[in-house]
Amino acid sequence: MIVDAHQHFWALARHDYTWLTPVRRAIYRDFEPADLEPHLIRNGVDMTVLVQAAPSERETQYLLDLAARTPWVAGVVGWIDLASAQAPSVIERLAQNSRLKGLRPMLQDLDDDRWLLRADIAPAIEAMIAHKLRFDALIKPRHLTVILQFAERYPALPVVIDHGAKPNIARSEWTPWSMHIRRLAASRPIFCKLSGLVTEAGPQWSVSQVAPYVEYLVQEFGASRLMWGSDWPLVEEAGGYDEWYRSARAALGGQTPSALAEIFGGVAMDFYGLAR
């Protein structure tokens, strides 16, 4: 069973995507299930996890509606305003939909790097724990120390780091990213997504450029806490879905068949509680 643990859909007419402008020509259009399905078929991908791309509750409902009519979308990671006083009741309502598997605040876009540690976020996080939701951390390297504190504060909350915390591969950034990844992976049972790395490497990336980062994430998290994701359609800015899938397989060429089965499916299924 192969799982794409991180993909998106969007419709420009919804006007939710303030970050998506015409200058990003490769992805400035609608992306819907019919656009993704050929990639899944070519690469033998059985199911996906659909992740929010806009900070609105309308986005969450839009994704849940898409998932309801797309058999291979096995789960949704949505967004709500975690700082709202109504957040616990919103979480309780949304969690009645079994397709909702987690929530993701867009931390990389917030001015306050320590936003997650604010007291007004706590009721929403406790509600997530109570309703067995997961937390996707959309972060950059500067947030890694905060995520560690967050995970220590809420040990019952399953956490996954999106895109390896987005190291600046294009500039060969290694430290302090690698140091904080090692500390985080060793200190808490946090998971990580092997996704988004080629976007951080730039349009002219190569497997040899990305492979050290892939290998390091495998070394620190192990195959039992690492899950592959396409980050489609953003990956269209860096070669496309098929090229990233092939390159990820190549970069992981030294792994055993059982480890590959975990990274390309088993871990995502267990972490998100996807139906087999």
C-alpha atoms as a PDB file:
ATOM      1  CA  MET A   1       0.000   0.000   0.000  1.00  0.00           C
ATOM      2  CA  ILE A   2       1.567   3.319  -1.116  1.00  0.00           C
ATOM      3  CA  VAL A   3       0.400   6.539   0.514  1.00  0.00           C
ATOM      4  CA  ASP A   4       1.105  10.103  -0.521  1.00  0.00           C
ATOM      5  CA  ALA A   5       1.101  11.691   2.933  1.00  0.00           C
ATOM      6  CA  HIS A   6       0.969  15.307   1.778  1.00  0.00           C
ATOM      7  CA  GLN A   7      -0.911  16.830  -1.157  1.00  0.00           C
ATOM      8  CA  HIS A   8      -3.169  19.820  -1.784  1.00  0.00           C
ATOM      9  CA  PHE A   9      -6.104  20.961  -3.908  1.00  0.00           C
ATOM     10  CA  TRP A  10      -7.201  24.525  -4.522  1.00  0.00           C
ATOM     11  CA  ALA A  11      -9.601  26.615  -6.582  1.00  0.00           C
ATOM     12  CA  LEU A  12      -8.557  30.194  -7.279  1.00  0.00           C
ATOM     13  CA  ALA A  13     -12.140  31.459  -7.319  1.00  0.00           C
ATOM     14  CA  ARG A  14     -12.357  30.742  -3.597  1.00  0.00           C
ATOM     15  CA  HIS A  15      -9.946  33.675  -2.942  1.00  0.00           C
ATOM     16  CA  ASP A  16      -8.464  31.947   0.105  1.00  0.00           C
ATOM     17  CA  TYR A  17      -4.853  31.693  -1.031  1.00  0.00           C
ATOM     18  CA  THR A  18      -3.168  35.021  -0.336  1.00  0.00           C
ATOM     19  CA  TRP A  19       0.272  33.451  -0.873  1.00  0.00           C
ATOM     20  CA  LEU A  20      -0.634  32.198  -4.356  1.00  0.00           C
ATOM     21  CA  THR A  21      -0.067  34.969  -6.911  1.00  0.00           C
ATOM     22  CA  PRO A  22       0.243  35.045 -10.732  1.00  0.00           C
ATOM     23  CA  VAL A  23       4.024  35.239 -10.467  1.00  0.00           C
ATOM     24  CA  ARG A  24       3.956  31.542  -9.512  1.00  0.00           C
ATOM     25  CA  ARG A  25       2.921  30.556 -13.012  1.00  0.00           C
ATOM     26  CA  ALA A  26       3.421  26.796 -12.671  1.00  0.00           C
ATOM     27  CA  ILE A  27       0.814  26.521  -9.915  1.00  0.00           C
ATOM     28  CA  TYR A  28      -1.411  29.568 -10.457  1.00  0.00           C
ATOM     29  CA  ARG A  29      -4.486  27.645 -11.566  1.00  0.00           C
ATOM     30  CA  ASP A  30      -7.044  25.266 -10.131  1.00  0.00           C
ATOM     31  CA  PHE A  31      -5.808  21.832  -9.036  1.00  0.00           C
ATOM     32  CA  GLU A  32      -8.453  19.184  -8.513  1.00  0.00           C
ATOM     33  CA  PRO A  33      -8.639  15.389  -8.076  1.00  0.00           C
ATOM     34  CA  ALA A  34      -8.772  14.789 -11.844  1.00  0.00           C
ATOM     35  CA  ASP A  35      -5.403  16.553 -12.175  1.00  0.00           C
ATOM     36  CA  LEU A  36      -3.708  14.396  -9.550  1.00  0.00           C
ATOM     37  CA  GLU A  37      -5.189  10.998 -10.372  1.00  0.00           C
ATOM     38  CA  PRO A  38      -2.966  10.277 -13.432  1.00  0.00           C
ATOM     39  CA  HIS A  39       0.142  10.780 -11.277  1.00  0.00           C
ATOM     40  CA  LEU A  40      -1.189   8.367  -8.678  1.00  0.00           C
ATOM     41  CA  ILE A  41      -1.933   5.736 -11.294  1.00  0.00           C
ATOM     42  CA  ARG A  42       1.490   6.043 -12.963  1.00  0.00           C
ATOM     43  CA  ASN A  43       3.309   5.677  -9.662  1.00  0.00           C
ATOM     44  CA  GLY A  44       1.070   3.078  -8.041  1.00  0.00           C
ATOM     45  CA  VAL A  45      -0.061   5.375  -5.228  1.00  0.00           C
ATOM     46  CA  ASP A  46      -3.149   3.966  -3.505  1.00  0.00           C
ATOM     47  CA  MET A  47      -4.289   6.812  -1.275  1.00  0.00           C
ATOM     48  CA  THR A  48      -3.439  10.337  -0.174  1.00  0.00           C
ATOM     49  CA  VAL A  49      -3.641  12.695   2.778  1.00  0.00           C
ATOM     50  CA  LEU A  50      -5.143  16.027   1.702  1.00  0.00           C
ATOM     51  CA  VAL A  51      -3.647  19.017   3.538  1.00  0.00           C
ATOM     52  CA  GLN A  52      -4.951  22.577   3.874  1.00  0.00           C
ATOM     53  CA  ALA A  53      -3.347  25.391   1.899  1.00  0.00           C
ATOM     54  CA  ALA A  54      -5.259  28.388   3.297  1.00  0.00           C
ATOM     55  CA  PRO A  55      -5.904  29.634   6.861  1.00  0.00           C
ATOM     56  CA  SER A  56      -9.691  29.491   6.875  1.00  0.00           C
ATOM     57  CA  GLU A  57     -12.366  27.178   8.205  1.00  0.00           C
ATOM     58  CA  ARG A  58     -14.008  27.373   4.782  1.00  0.00           C
ATOM     59  CA  GLU A  59     -10.902  25.664   3.444  1.00  0.00           C
ATOM     60  CA  THR A  60     -11.355  22.786   5.878  1.00  0.00           C
ATOM     61  CA  GLN A  61     -14.942  22.226   4.800  1.00  0.00           C
ATOM     62  CA  TYR A  62     -13.944  22.509   1.128  1.00  0.00           C
ATOM     63  CA  LEU A  63     -11.356  19.754   1.601  1.00  0.00           C
ATOM     64  CA  LEU A  64     -13.748  17.525   3.549  1.00  0.00           C
ATOM     65  CA  ASP A  65     -16.307  17.879   0.753  1.00  0.00           C
ATOM     66  CA  LEU A  66     -13.680  16.943  -1.839  1.00  0.00           C
ATOM     67  CA  ALA A  67     -12.590  13.955   0.238  1.00  0.00           C
ATOM     68  CA  ALA A  68     -16.189  12.736   0.502  1.00  0.00           C
ATOM     69  CA  ARG A  69     -16.364  12.321  -3.273  1.00  0.00           C
ATOM     70  CA  THR A  70     -12.760  11.216  -3.921  1.00  0.00           C
ATOM     71  CA  PRO A  71     -12.289   7.574  -2.872  1.00  0.00           C
ATOM     72  CA  TRP A  72      -8.487   7.671  -2.744  1.00  0.00           C
ATOM     73  CA  VAL A  73      -8.351  10.684  -0.384  1.00  0.00           C
ATOM     74  CA  ALA A  74      -8.059   8.776   2.880  1.00  0.00           C
ATOM     75  CA  GLY A  75      -7.823  11.713   5.264  1.00  0.00           C
ATOM     76  CA  VAL A  76      -7.819  15.509   5.600  1.00  0.00           C
ATOM     77  CA  VAL A  77      -5.580  17.825   7.601  1.00  0.00           C
ATOM     78  CA  GLY A  78      -7.519  21.055   8.008  1.00  0.00           C
ATOM     79  CA  TRP A  79      -7.235  24.478   9.628  1.00  0.00           C
ATOM     80  CA  ILE A  80      -9.130  26.304  12.330  1.00  0.00           C
ATOM     81  CA  ASP A  81      -8.313  29.368  14.408  1.00  0.00           C
ATOM     82  CA  LEU A  82      -6.667  27.656  17.372  1.00  0.00           C
ATOM     83  CA  ALA A  83      -6.516  30.938  19.297  1.00  0.00           C
ATOM     84  CA  SER A  84     -10.279  31.467  19.150  1.00  0.00           C
ATOM     85  CA  ALA A  85     -12.326  30.974  22.305  1.00  0.00           C
ATOM     86  CA  GLN A  86     -14.680  28.857  20.169  1.00  0.00           C
ATOM     87  CA  ALA A  87     -11.864  26.561  18.954  1.00  0.00           C
ATOM     88  CA  PRO A  88     -12.711  23.615  21.261  1.00  0.00           C
ATOM     89  CA  SER A  89     -16.344  23.547  20.125  1.00  0.00           C
ATOM     90  CA  VAL A  90     -15.318  23.893  16.457  1.00  0.00           C
ATOM     91  CA  ILE A  91     -12.904  20.980  16.877  1.00  0.00           C
ATOM     92  CA  GLU A  92     -15.594  18.884  18.528  1.00  0.00           C
ATOM     93  CA  ARG A  93     -17.956  19.554  15.620  1.00  0.00           C
ATOM     94  CA  LEU A  94     -15.427  18.940  12.852  1.00  0.00           C
ATOM     95  CA  ALA A  95     -14.077  15.797  14.509  1.00  0.00           C
ATOM     96  CA  GLN A  96     -17.456  14.137  13.991  1.00  0.00           C
ATOM     97  CA  ASN A  97     -16.344  13.752  10.372  1.00  0.00           C
ATOM     98  CA  SER A  98     -14.113  10.687  10.339  1.00  0.00           C
ATOM     99  CA  ARG A  99     -12.207  12.020   7.334  1.00  0.00           C
ATOM    100  CA  LEU A 100     -10.669  14.798   9.442  1.00  0.00           C
ATOM    101  CA  LYS A 101      -7.384  13.399  10.741  1.00  0.00           C
ATOM    102  CA  GLY A 102      -5.534  16.504  11.907  1.00  0.00           C
ATOM    103  CA  LEU A 103      -5.085  20.267  11.946  1.00  0.00           C
ATOM    104  CA  ARG A 104      -2.311  22.509  10.682  1.00  0.00           C
ATOM    105  CA  PRO A 105      -1.764  26.147  11.650  1.00  0.00           C
ATOM    106  CA  MET A 106       0.415  27.924   9.089  1.00  0.00           C
ATOM    107  CA  LEU A 107       3.206  28.604  11.566  1.00  0.00           C
ATOM    108  CA  GLN A 108       5.782  29.550   8.950  1.00  0.00           C
ATOM    109  CA  ASP A 109       3.729  32.643   8.077  1.00  0.00           C
ATOM    110  CA  LEU A 110       3.214  33.950  11.616  1.00  0.00           C
ATOM    111  CA  ASP A 111       5.291  36.832  12.986  1.00  0.00           C
ATOM    112  CA  ASP A 112       5.520  35.271  16.446  1.00  0.00           C
ATOM    113  CA  ASP A 113       7.797  32.214  16.297  1.00  0.00           C
ATOM    114  CA  ARG A 114       6.612  31.229  19.797  1.00  0.00           C
ATOM    115  CA  TRP A 115       2.920  31.462  18.952  1.00  0.00           C
ATOM    116  CA  LEU A 116       2.336  27.782  19.728  1.00  0.00           C
ATOM    117  CA  LEU A 117       3.367  28.291  23.337  1.00  0.00           C
ATOM    118  CA  ARG A 118       0.755  30.974  24.053  1.00  0.00           C
ATOM    119  CA  ALA A 119      -1.746  30.219  26.815  1.00  0.00           C
ATOM    120  CA  ASP A 120      -4.769  30.953  24.617  1.00  0.00           C
ATOM    121  CA  ILE A 121      -3.818  28.065  22.313  1.00  0.00           C
ATOM    122  CA  ALA A 122      -3.945  25.470  25.094  1.00  0.00           C
ATOM    123  CA  PRO A 123      -7.725  24.783  25.105  1.00  0.00           C
ATOM    124  CA  ALA A 124      -7.671  24.020  21.374  1.00  0.00           C
ATOM    125  CA  ILE A 125      -4.689  21.687  21.718  1.00  0.00           C
ATOM    126  CA  GLU A 126      -6.361  19.850  24.585  1.00  0.00           C
ATOM    127  CA  ALA A 127      -9.470  19.479  22.406  1.00  0.00           C
ATOM    128  CA  MET A 128      -7.342  18.045  19.600  1.00  0.00           C
ATOM    129  CA  ILE A 129      -5.955  15.472  22.026  1.00  0.00           C
ATOM    130  CA  ALA A 130      -9.417  14.629  23.336  1.00  0.00           C
ATOM    131  CA  HIS A 131     -10.710  14.026  19.802  1.00  0.00           C
ATOM    132  CA  LYS A 132      -7.616  12.089  18.699  1.00  0.00           C
ATOM    133  CA  LEU A 133      -6.489  14.549  16.041  1.00  0.00           C
ATOM    134  CA  ARG A 134      -2.903  14.926  14.821  1.00  0.00           C
ATOM    135  CA  PHE A 135      -0.818  18.069  14.524  1.00  0.00           C
ATOM    136  CA  ASP A 136       0.990  18.943  11.288  1.00  0.00           C
ATOM    137  CA  ALA A 137       3.810  21.425  11.941  1.00  0.00           C
ATOM    138  CA  LEU A 138       4.395  23.700   8.941  1.00  0.00           C
ATOM    139  CA  ILE A 139       7.647  25.208  10.129  1.00  0.00           C
ATOM    140  CA  LYS A 140      11.098  26.408   9.166  1.00  0.00           C
ATOM    141  CA  PRO A 141      14.368  25.635  10.957  1.00  0.00           C
ATOM    142  CA  ARG A 142      13.951  28.593  13.311  1.00  0.00           C
ATOM    143  CA  HIS A 143      10.863  26.913  14.808  1.00  0.00           C
ATOM    144  CA  LEU A 144      12.482  23.588  15.717  1.00  0.00           C
ATOM    145  CA  THR A 145      13.342  24.532  19.296  1.00  0.00           C
ATOM    146  CA  VAL A 146       9.784  25.797  19.827  1.00  0.00           C
ATOM    147  CA  ILE A 147       8.292  22.577  18.435  1.00  0.00           C
ATOM    148  CA  LEU A 148      10.369  20.615  20.925  1.00  0.00           C
ATOM    149  CA  GLN A 149       8.984  22.697  23.802  1.00  0.00           C
ATOM    150  CA  PHE A 150       5.484  22.302  22.374  1.00  0.00           C
ATOM    151  CA  ALA A 151       5.835  18.526  22.128  1.00  0.00           C
ATOM    152  CA  GLU A 152       7.135  18.354  25.694  1.00  0.00           C
ATOM    153  CA  ARG A 153       4.151  20.382  26.892  1.00  0.00           C
ATOM    154  CA  TYR A 154       1.634  18.145  25.062  1.00  0.00           C
ATOM    155  CA  PRO A 155       3.107  14.620  25.047  1.00  0.00           C
ATOM    156  CA  ALA A 156      -0.233  13.013  24.139  1.00  0.00           C
ATOM    157  CA  LEU A 157      -0.519  14.984  20.871  1.00  0.00           C
ATOM    158  CA  PRO A 158       0.856  13.190  17.771  1.00  0.00           C
ATOM    159  CA  VAL A 159       3.098  15.654  15.884  1.00  0.00           C
ATOM    160  CA  VAL A 160       4.589  15.436  12.400  1.00  0.00           C
ATOM    161  CA  ILE A 161       7.096  17.913  10.962  1.00  0.00           C
ATOM    162  CA  ASP A 162       6.144  18.892   7.418  1.00  0.00           C
ATOM    163  CA  HIS A 163       8.829  19.036   4.717  1.00  0.00           C
ATOM    164  CA  GLY A 164      11.722  18.206   7.038  1.00  0.00           C
ATOM    165  CA  ALA A 165      11.289  21.710   8.531  1.00  0.00           C
ATOM    166  CA  LYS A 166      12.285  23.258   5.189  1.00  0.00           C
ATOM    167  CA  PRO A 167      16.083  23.475   5.307  1.00  0.00           C
ATOM    168  CA  ASN A 168      17.475  25.922   2.749  1.00  0.00           C
ATOM    169  CA  ILE A 169      18.925  23.276   0.448  1.00  0.00           C
ATOM    170  CA  ALA A 170      19.470  25.763  -2.366  1.00  0.00           C
ATOM    171  CA  ARG A 171      22.088  27.465  -0.176  1.00  0.00           C
ATOM    172  CA  SER A 172      23.417  24.176   1.232  1.00  0.00           C
ATOM    173  CA  GLU A 173      22.162  25.068   4.722  1.00  0.00           C
ATOM    174  CA  TRP A 174      23.070  22.308   7.164  1.00  0.00           C
ATOM    175  CA  THR A 175      23.525  23.762  10.624  1.00  0.00           C
ATOM    176  CA  PRO A 176      21.778  24.667  12.845  1.00  0.00           C
ATOM    177  CA  TRP A 177      19.000  22.712  11.043  1.00  0.00           C
ATOM    178  CA  SER A 178      20.756  19.342  11.455  1.00  0.00           C
ATOM    179  CA  MET A 179      21.590  19.964  15.111  1.00  0.00           C
ATOM    180  CA  HIS A 180      17.991  20.828  16.011  1.00  0.00           C
ATOM    181  CA  ILE A 181      16.594  17.922  13.967  1.00  0.00           C
ATOM    182  CA  ARG A 182      18.849  15.517  15.868  1.00  0.00           C
ATOM    183  CA  ARG A 183      17.812  16.896  19.251  1.00  0.00           C
ATOM    184  CA  LEU A 184      14.132  16.871  18.324  1.00  0.00           C
ATOM    185  CA  ALA A 185      14.148  13.343  16.917  1.00  0.00           C
ATOM    186  CA  ALA A 186      16.026  11.987  19.924  1.00  0.00           C
ATOM    187  CA  SER A 187      13.977  13.786  22.570  1.00  0.00           C
ATOM    188  CA  ARG A 188      10.377  13.120  21.565  1.00  0.00           C
ATOM    189  CA  PRO A 189       8.471  10.534  19.468  1.00  0.00           C
ATOM    190  CA  ILE A 190       7.864  13.114  16.747  1.00  0.00           C
ATOM    191  CA  PHE A 191       7.336  12.114  13.097  1.00  0.00           C
ATOM    192  CA  CYS A 192       8.593  13.792   9.936  1.00  0.00           C
ATOM    193  CA  LYS A 193       7.466  14.105   6.315  1.00  0.00           C
ATOM    194  CA  LEU A 194       9.874  13.441   3.497  1.00  0.00           C
ATOM    195  CA  SER A 195       8.222  16.080   1.325  1.00  0.00           C
ATOM    196  CA  GLY A 196       8.848  19.578   0.014  1.00  0.00           C
ATOM    197  CA  LEU A 197      12.621  19.163  -0.108  1.00  0.00           C
ATOM    198  CA  VAL A 198      12.991  19.659  -3.859  1.00  0.00           C
ATOM    199  CA  THR A 199      11.090  22.927  -3.634  1.00  0.00           C
ATOM    200  CA  GLU A 200      13.651  24.100  -1.082  1.00  0.00           C
ATOM    201  CA  ALA A 201      16.459  22.955  -3.397  1.00  0.00           C
ATOM    202  CA  GLY A 202      15.318  25.184  -6.264  1.00  0.00           C
ATOM    203  CA  PRO A 203      14.231  24.523  -9.851  1.00  0.00           C
ATOM    204  CA  GLN A 204      17.600  23.057 -10.942  1.00  0.00           C
ATOM    205  CA  TRP A 205      17.884  20.542  -8.089  1.00  0.00           C
ATOM    206  CA  SER A 206      19.531  17.155  -8.443  1.00  0.00           C
ATOM    207  CA  VAL A 207      19.220  13.880  -6.562  1.00  0.00           C
ATOM    208  CA  SER A 208      22.797  14.271  -5.296  1.00  0.00           C
ATOM    209  CA  GLN A 209      21.887  17.676  -3.870  1.00  0.00           C
ATOM    210  CA  VAL A 210      18.803  16.436  -2.010  1.00  0.00           C
ATOM    211  CA  ALA A 211      20.040  12.963  -1.019  1.00  0.00           C
ATOM    212  CA  PRO A 212      22.143  14.056   2.019  1.00  0.00           C
ATOM    213  CA  TYR A 213      19.065  15.666   3.576  1.00  0.00           C
ATOM    214  CA  VAL A 214      16.947  12.588   2.869  1.00  0.00           C
ATOM    215  CA  GLU A 215      19.617  10.321   4.339  1.00  0.00           C
ATOM    216  CA  TYR A 216      19.982  12.493   7.428  1.00  0.00           C
ATOM    217  CA  LEU A 217      16.242  12.474   8.096  1.00  0.00           C
ATOM    218  CA  VAL A 218      16.205   8.682   7.770  1.00  0.00           C
ATOM    219  CA  GLN A 219      19.202   8.453  10.094  1.00  0.00           C
ATOM    220  CA  GLU A 220      17.624  10.624  12.790  1.00  0.00           C
ATOM    221  CA  PHE A 221      13.944   9.642  12.608  1.00  0.00           C
ATOM    222  CA  GLY A 222      14.291   6.110  11.275  1.00  0.00           C
ATOM    223  CA  ALA A 223      11.953   4.494   8.780  1.00  0.00           C
ATOM    224  CA  SER A 224       9.357   4.016  11.513  1.00  0.00           C
ATOM    225  CA  ARG A 225       8.800   7.785  11.903  1.00  0.00           C
ATOM    226  CA  LEU A 226       9.269   9.046   8.354  1.00  0.00           C
ATOM    227  CA  MET A 227       6.589   9.311   5.657  1.00  0.00           C
ATOM    228  CA  TRP A 228       6.870  10.262   1.993  1.00  0.00           C
ATOM    229  CA  GLY A 229       4.686  13.012   0.543  1.00  0.00           C
ATOM    230  CA  SER A 230       4.561  14.716  -2.841  1.00  0.00           C
ATOM    231  CA  ASP A 231       3.633  18.246  -1.744  1.00  0.00           C
ATOM    232  CA  TRP A 232       1.704  18.379  -5.022  1.00  0.00           C
ATOM    233  CA  PRO A 233       0.959  20.706  -6.734  1.00  0.00           C
ATOM    234  CA  LEU A 234       3.750  22.846  -5.264  1.00  0.00           C
ATOM    235  CA  VAL A 235       6.197  20.210  -6.524  1.00  0.00           C
ATOM    236  CA  GLU A 236       5.227  21.321 -10.044  1.00  0.00           C
ATOM    237  CA  GLU A 237       7.561  24.274  -9.433  1.00  0.00           C
ATOM    238  CA  ALA A 238      10.438  21.822  -9.026  1.00  0.00           C
ATOM    239  CA  GLY A 239      10.139  19.146 -11.674  1.00  0.00           C
ATOM    240  CA  GLY A 240       6.754  17.661 -10.894  1.00  0.00           C
ATOM    241  CA  TYR A 241       5.196  14.721  -9.067  1.00  0.00           C
ATOM    242  CA  ASP A 242       6.687  11.876 -11.063  1.00  0.00           C
ATOM    243  CA  GLU A 243      10.237  13.206 -10.924  1.00  0.00           C
ATOM    244  CA  TRP A 244      10.097  13.686  -7.146  1.00  0.00           C
ATOM    245  CA  TYR A 245       8.650  10.196  -6.619  1.00  0.00           C
ATOM    246  CA  ARG A 246      11.413   8.612  -8.712  1.00  0.00           C
ATOM    247  CA  SER A 247      14.100  10.727  -7.055  1.00  0.00           C
ATOM    248  CA  ALA A 248      12.894   9.929  -3.554  1.00  0.00           C
ATOM    249  CA  ARG A 249      13.091   6.230  -4.411  1.00  0.00           C
ATOM    250  CA  ALA A 250      16.616   6.764  -5.758  1.00  0.00           C
ATOM    251  CA  ALA A 251      17.726   8.720  -2.678  1.00  0.00           C
ATOM    252  CA  LEU A 252      16.386   5.906  -0.490  1.00  0.00           C
ATOM    253  CA  GLY A 253      18.016   3.196  -2.582  1.00  0.00           C
ATOM    254  CA  GLY A 254      20.033   1.879   0.351  1.00  0.00           C
ATOM    255  CA  GLN A 255      16.976   1.118   2.471  1.00  0.00           C
ATOM    256  CA  THR A 256      15.554  -2.363   2.952  1.00  0.00           C
ATOM    257  CA  PRO A 257      12.233  -3.308   1.329  1.00  0.00           C
ATOM    258  CA  SER A 258      10.545  -3.258   4.744  1.00  0.00           C
ATOM    259  CA  ALA A 259      11.885   0.234   5.474  1.00  0.00           C
ATOM    260  CA  LEU A 260      10.670   1.493   2.097  1.00  0.00           C
ATOM    261  CA  ALA A 261       7.242  -0.008   2.761  1.00  0.00           C
ATOM    262  CA  GLU A 262       7.085   1.986   5.978  1.00  0.00           C
ATOM    263  CA  ILE A 263       8.260   5.279   4.473  1.00  0.00           C
ATOM    264  CA  PHE A 264       6.013   5.007   1.415  1.00  0.00           C
ATOM    265  CA  GLY A 265       2.886   3.908   3.213  1.00  0.00           C
ATOM    266  CA  GLY A 266       2.928   2.160   6.551  1.00  0.00           C
ATOM    267  CA  VAL A 267       3.966   5.119   8.695  1.00  0.00           C
ATOM    268  CA  ALA A 268       1.360   7.469   7.209  1.00  0.00           C
ATOM    269  CA  MET A 269      -1.368   4.853   7.634  1.00  0.00           C
ATOM    270  CA  ASP A 270      -0.507   4.305  11.287  1.00  0.00           C
ATOM    271  CA  PHE A 271       0.088   7.964  12.144  1.00  0.00           C
ATOM    272  CA  TYR A 272      -3.146   9.235  10.590  1.00  0.00           C
ATOM    273  CA  GLY A 273      -5.173   6.123  11.390  1.00  0.00           C
ATOM    274  CA  LEU A 274      -6.075   5.469   7.758  1.00  0.00           C
ATOM    275  CA  ALA A 275      -8.321   2.545   6.881  1.00  0.00           C
ATOM    276  CA  ARG A 276      -6.384  -0.243   5.227  1.00  0.00           C
END
